[in-house]
Amino acid sequence: MSHSIIYECFKETVTQFPEYPSIIEQGKSLTYAQLDRRIDLIAGKFPSREKS
């Protein structure tokens, strides 16, 4: 399965179920919307891989 397909499936889940828990650990959880925002913040710190 390619990374783009996994990403597309994740984004679809975020759209359909933004307030559902995505991660639950030691009594704490993140919703899909919260996880998506954190992923975007982390991804923004990496240089672009676009070809010129």
PDB file of N, CA and C in Angstrom:
ATOM      1  N   MET A   1       0.862  -1.178   0.000  1.00  0.00           N
ATOM      2  CA  MET A   1       0.000   0.000   0.000  1.00  0.00           C
ATOM      3  C   MET A   1       0.900   1.230   0.000  1.00  0.00           C
ATOM      4  N   SER A   2       0.644   2.151  -0.890  1.00  0.00           N
ATOM      5  CA  SER A   2       1.497   3.336  -0.984  1.00  0.00           C
ATOM      6  C   SER A   2       1.163   4.332   0.129  1.00  0.00           C
ATOM      7  N   HIS A   3       2.142   5.208   0.410  1.00  0.00           N
ATOM      8  CA  HIS A   3       1.951   6.230   1.440  1.00  0.00           C
ATOM      9  C   HIS A   3       0.790   7.158   1.094  1.00  0.00           C
ATOM     10  N   SER A   4       0.617   7.455  -0.192  1.00  0.00           N
ATOM     11  CA  SER A   4      -0.453   8.377  -0.579  1.00  0.00           C
ATOM     12  C   SER A   4      -1.832   7.767  -0.319  1.00  0.00           C
ATOM     13  N   ILE A   5      -1.963   6.465  -0.494  1.00  0.00           N
ATOM     14  CA  ILE A   5      -3.248   5.811  -0.230  1.00  0.00           C
ATOM     15  C   ILE A   5      -3.546   5.816   1.270  1.00  0.00           C
ATOM     16  N   ILE A   6      -2.538   5.556   2.075  1.00  0.00           N
ATOM     17  CA  ILE A   6      -2.715   5.589   3.535  1.00  0.00           C
ATOM     18  C   ILE A   6      -3.126   6.988   3.960  1.00  0.00           C
ATOM     19  N   TYR A   7      -2.449   8.004   3.423  1.00  0.00           N
ATOM     20  CA  TYR A   7      -2.763   9.393   3.753  1.00  0.00           C
ATOM     21  C   TYR A   7      -4.192   9.738   3.347  1.00  0.00           C
ATOM     22  N   GLU A   8      -4.593   9.341   2.154  1.00  0.00           N
ATOM     23  CA  GLU A   8      -5.953   9.616   1.679  1.00  0.00           C
ATOM     24  C   GLU A   8      -6.996   8.948   2.574  1.00  0.00           C
ATOM     25  N   CYS A   9      -6.745   7.719   2.998  1.00  0.00           N
ATOM     26  CA  CYS A   9      -7.673   7.020   3.906  1.00  0.00           C
ATOM     27  C   CYS A   9      -7.761   7.747   5.239  1.00  0.00           C
ATOM     28  N   PHE A  10      -6.611   8.193   5.758  1.00  0.00           N
ATOM     29  CA  PHE A  10      -6.600   8.930   7.019  1.00  0.00           C
ATOM     30  C   PHE A  10      -7.403  10.221   6.888  1.00  0.00           C
ATOM     31  N   LYS A  11      -7.164  10.995   5.823  1.00  0.00           N
ATOM     32  CA  LYS A  11      -7.868  12.258   5.641  1.00  0.00           C
ATOM     33  C   LYS A  11      -9.382  12.042   5.503  1.00  0.00           C
ATOM     34  N   GLU A  12      -9.772  10.972   4.857  1.00  0.00           N
ATOM     35  CA  GLU A  12     -11.199  10.654   4.735  1.00  0.00           C
ATOM     36  C   GLU A  12     -11.789  10.365   6.116  1.00  0.00           C
ATOM     37  N   THR A  13     -11.056   9.645   6.938  1.00  0.00           N
ATOM     38  CA  THR A  13     -11.514   9.354   8.297  1.00  0.00           C
ATOM     39  C   THR A  13     -11.618  10.635   9.111  1.00  0.00           C
ATOM     40  N   VAL A  14     -10.650  11.528   8.971  1.00  0.00           N
ATOM     41  CA  VAL A  14     -10.697  12.819   9.670  1.00  0.00           C
ATOM     42  C   VAL A  14     -11.954  13.583   9.275  1.00  0.00           C
ATOM     43  N   THR A  15     -12.276  13.579   7.999  1.00  0.00           N
ATOM     44  CA  THR A  15     -13.455  14.295   7.500  1.00  0.00           C
ATOM     45  C   THR A  15     -14.748  13.679   8.025  1.00  0.00           C
ATOM     46  N   GLN A  16     -14.814  12.353   8.020  1.00  0.00           N
ATOM     47  CA  GLN A  16     -16.048  11.669   8.419  1.00  0.00           C
ATOM     48  C   GLN A  16     -16.246  11.610   9.936  1.00  0.00           C
ATOM     49  N   PHE A  17     -15.146  11.477  10.680  1.00  0.00           N
ATOM     50  CA  PHE A  17     -15.244  11.249  12.128  1.00  0.00           C
ATOM     51  C   PHE A  17     -14.264  12.129  12.905  1.00  0.00           C
ATOM     52  N   PRO A  18     -14.316  13.447  12.747  1.00  0.00           N
ATOM     53  CA  PRO A  18     -13.302  14.308  13.367  1.00  0.00           C
ATOM     54  C   PRO A  18     -13.245  14.232  14.894  1.00  0.00           C
ATOM     55  N   GLU A  19     -14.346  13.959  15.537  1.00  0.00           N
ATOM     56  CA  GLU A  19     -14.367  13.948  16.999  1.00  0.00           C
ATOM     57  C   GLU A  19     -14.216  12.545  17.610  1.00  0.00           C
ATOM     58  N   TYR A  20     -14.059  11.536  16.780  1.00  0.00           N
ATOM     59  CA  TYR A  20     -13.833  10.183  17.296  1.00  0.00           C
ATOM     60  C   TYR A  20     -12.401  10.068  17.795  1.00  0.00           C
ATOM     61  N   PRO A  21     -12.179   9.270  18.839  1.00  0.00           N
ATOM     62  CA  PRO A  21     -10.810   9.080  19.305  1.00  0.00           C
ATOM     63  C   PRO A  21      -9.977   8.313  18.275  1.00  0.00           C
ATOM     64  N   SER A  22      -8.773   8.809  18.021  1.00  0.00           N
ATOM     65  CA  SER A  22      -7.873   8.142  17.082  1.00  0.00           C
ATOM     66  C   SER A  22      -6.775   7.392  17.825  1.00  0.00           C
ATOM     67  N   ILE A  23      -6.347   7.956  18.939  1.00  0.00           N
ATOM     68  CA  ILE A  23      -5.308   7.348  19.767  1.00  0.00           C
ATOM     69  C   ILE A  23      -5.770   7.420  21.211  1.00  0.00           C
ATOM     70  N   ILE A  24      -5.660   6.311  21.903  1.00  0.00           N
ATOM     71  CA  ILE A  24      -5.968   6.277  23.332  1.00  0.00           C
ATOM     72  C   ILE A  24      -4.803   5.574  24.015  1.00  0.00           C
ATOM     73  N   GLU A  25      -4.179   6.273  24.970  1.00  0.00           N
ATOM     74  CA  GLU A  25      -3.054   5.681  25.686  1.00  0.00           C
ATOM     75  C   GLU A  25      -3.016   6.224  27.099  1.00  0.00           C
ATOM     76  N   GLN A  26      -2.910   5.349  28.049  1.00  0.00           N
ATOM     77  CA  GLN A  26      -2.809   5.696  29.468  1.00  0.00           C
ATOM     78  C   GLN A  26      -3.876   6.698  29.894  1.00  0.00           C
ATOM     79  N   GLY A  27      -5.103   6.467  29.446  1.00  0.00           N
ATOM     80  CA  GLY A  27      -6.223   7.300  29.846  1.00  0.00           C
ATOM     81  C   GLY A  27      -6.339   8.628  29.109  1.00  0.00           C
ATOM     82  N   LYS A  28      -5.421   8.907  28.184  1.00  0.00           N
ATOM     83  CA  LYS A  28      -5.488  10.138  27.401  1.00  0.00           C
ATOM     84  C   LYS A  28      -5.803   9.786  25.960  1.00  0.00           C
ATOM     85  N   SER A  29      -6.467  10.707  25.262  1.00  0.00           N
ATOM     86  CA  SER A  29      -6.812  10.424  23.869  1.00  0.00           C
ATOM     87  C   SER A  29      -6.683  11.676  23.013  1.00  0.00           C
ATOM     88  N   LEU A  30      -6.544  11.431  21.713  1.00  0.00           N
ATOM     89  CA  LEU A  30      -6.570  12.485  20.698  1.00  0.00           C
ATOM     90  C   LEU A  30      -7.652  12.121  19.698  1.00  0.00           C
ATOM     91  N   THR A  31      -8.462  13.108  19.321  1.00  0.00           N
ATOM     92  CA  THR A  31      -9.444  12.855  18.273  1.00  0.00           C
ATOM     93  C   THR A  31      -8.723  12.850  16.929  1.00  0.00           C
ATOM     94  N   TYR A  32      -9.420  12.413  15.896  1.00  0.00           N
ATOM     95  CA  TYR A  32      -8.825  12.435  14.561  1.00  0.00           C
ATOM     96  C   TYR A  32      -8.480  13.867  14.150  1.00  0.00           C
ATOM     97  N   ALA A  33      -9.321  14.832  14.487  1.00  0.00           N
ATOM     98  CA  ALA A  33      -9.049  16.233  14.141  1.00  0.00           C
ATOM     99  C   ALA A  33      -7.799  16.737  14.859  1.00  0.00           C
ATOM    100  N   GLN A  34      -7.660  16.410  16.141  1.00  0.00           N
ATOM    101  CA  GLN A  34      -6.481  16.830  16.892  1.00  0.00           C
ATOM    102  C   GLN A  34      -5.210  16.187  16.334  1.00  0.00           C
ATOM    103  N   LEU A  35      -5.279  14.906  16.031  1.00  0.00           N
ATOM    104  CA  LEU A  35      -4.130  14.212  15.458  1.00  0.00           C
ATOM    105  C   LEU A  35      -3.757  14.813  14.114  1.00  0.00           C
ATOM    106  N   ASP A  36      -4.742  15.130  13.296  1.00  0.00           N
ATOM    107  CA  ASP A  36      -4.496  15.724  11.986  1.00  0.00           C
ATOM    108  C   ASP A  36      -3.771  17.063  12.125  1.00  0.00           C
ATOM    109  N   ARG A  37      -4.206  17.889  13.078  1.00  0.00           N
ATOM    110  CA  ARG A  37      -3.541  19.181  13.295  1.00  0.00           C
ATOM    111  C   ARG A  37      -2.093  18.981  13.733  1.00  0.00           C
ATOM    112  N   ARG A  38      -1.856  18.016  14.605  1.00  0.00           N
ATOM    113  CA  ARG A  38      -0.478  17.750  15.060  1.00  0.00           C
ATOM    114  C   ARG A  38       0.395  17.240  13.924  1.00  0.00           C
ATOM    115  N   ILE A  39      -0.156  16.388  13.093  1.00  0.00           N
ATOM    116  CA  ILE A  39       0.594  15.887  11.932  1.00  0.00           C
ATOM    117  C   ILE A  39       0.963  17.046  11.014  1.00  0.00           C
ATOM    118  N   ASP A  40       0.018  17.950  10.773  1.00  0.00           N
ATOM    119  CA  ASP A  40       0.290  19.100   9.913  1.00  0.00           C
ATOM    120  C   ASP A  40       1.388  19.985  10.504  1.00  0.00           C
ATOM    121  N   LEU A  41       1.375  20.175  11.820  1.00  0.00           N
ATOM    122  CA  LEU A  41       2.414  20.980  12.469  1.00  0.00           C
ATOM    123  C   LEU A  41       3.786  20.332  12.318  1.00  0.00           C
ATOM    124  N   ILE A  42       3.854  19.038  12.540  1.00  0.00           N
ATOM    125  CA  ILE A  42       5.124  18.315  12.420  1.00  0.00           C
ATOM    126  C   ILE A  42       5.600  18.320  10.974  1.00  0.00           C
ATOM    127  N   ALA A  43       4.705  18.044  10.049  1.00  0.00           N
ATOM    128  CA  ALA A  43       5.077  17.992   8.630  1.00  0.00           C
ATOM    129  C   ALA A  43       5.578  19.350   8.144  1.00  0.00           C
ATOM    130  N   GLY A  44       5.054  20.421   8.685  1.00  0.00           N
ATOM    131  CA  GLY A  44       5.478  21.753   8.292  1.00  0.00           C
ATOM    132  C   GLY A  44       6.907  22.080   8.673  1.00  0.00           C
ATOM    133  N   LYS A  45       7.486  21.322   9.588  1.00  0.00           N
ATOM    134  CA  LYS A  45       8.856  21.549  10.029  1.00  0.00           C
ATOM    135  C   LYS A  45       9.883  20.882   9.108  1.00  0.00           C
ATOM    136  N   PHE A  46       9.433  20.032   8.191  1.00  0.00           N
ATOM    137  CA  PHE A  46      10.343  19.343   7.282  1.00  0.00           C
ATOM    138  C   PHE A  46      10.421  20.096   5.961  1.00  0.00           C
ATOM    139  N   PRO A  47      11.574  20.063   5.321  1.00  0.00           N
ATOM    140  CA  PRO A  47      11.680  20.704   4.001  1.00  0.00           C
ATOM    141  C   PRO A  47      10.784  20.015   2.982  1.00  0.00           C
ATOM    142  N   SER A  48      10.323  20.783   2.028  1.00  0.00           N
ATOM    143  CA  SER A  48       9.479  20.249   0.970  1.00  0.00           C
ATOM    144  C   SER A  48      10.253  19.256   0.126  1.00  0.00           C
ATOM    145  N   ARG A  49       9.577  18.196  -0.328  1.00  0.00           N
ATOM    146  CA  ARG A  49      10.211  17.209  -1.178  1.00  0.00           C
ATOM    147  C   ARG A  49       9.815  17.387  -2.632  1.00  0.00           C
ATOM    148  N   GLU A  50       9.167  18.528  -2.932  1.00  0.00           N
ATOM    149  CA  GLU A  50       8.738  18.787  -4.296  1.00  0.00           C
ATOM    150  C   GLU A  50       9.952  18.972  -5.197  1.00  0.00           C
ATOM    151  N   LYS A  51       9.839  18.458  -6.413  1.00  0.00           N
ATOM    152  CA  LYS A  51      10.916  18.625  -7.381  1.00  0.00           C
ATOM    153  C   LYS A  51      10.728  19.928  -8.130  1.00  0.00           C
ATOM    154  N   SER A  52      11.811  20.657  -8.377  1.00  0.00           N
ATOM    155  CA  SER A  52      11.728  21.929  -9.096  1.00  0.00           C
ATOM    156  C   SER A  52      11.726  21.721 -10.589  1.00  0.00           C
TER     157      SER A  52
END
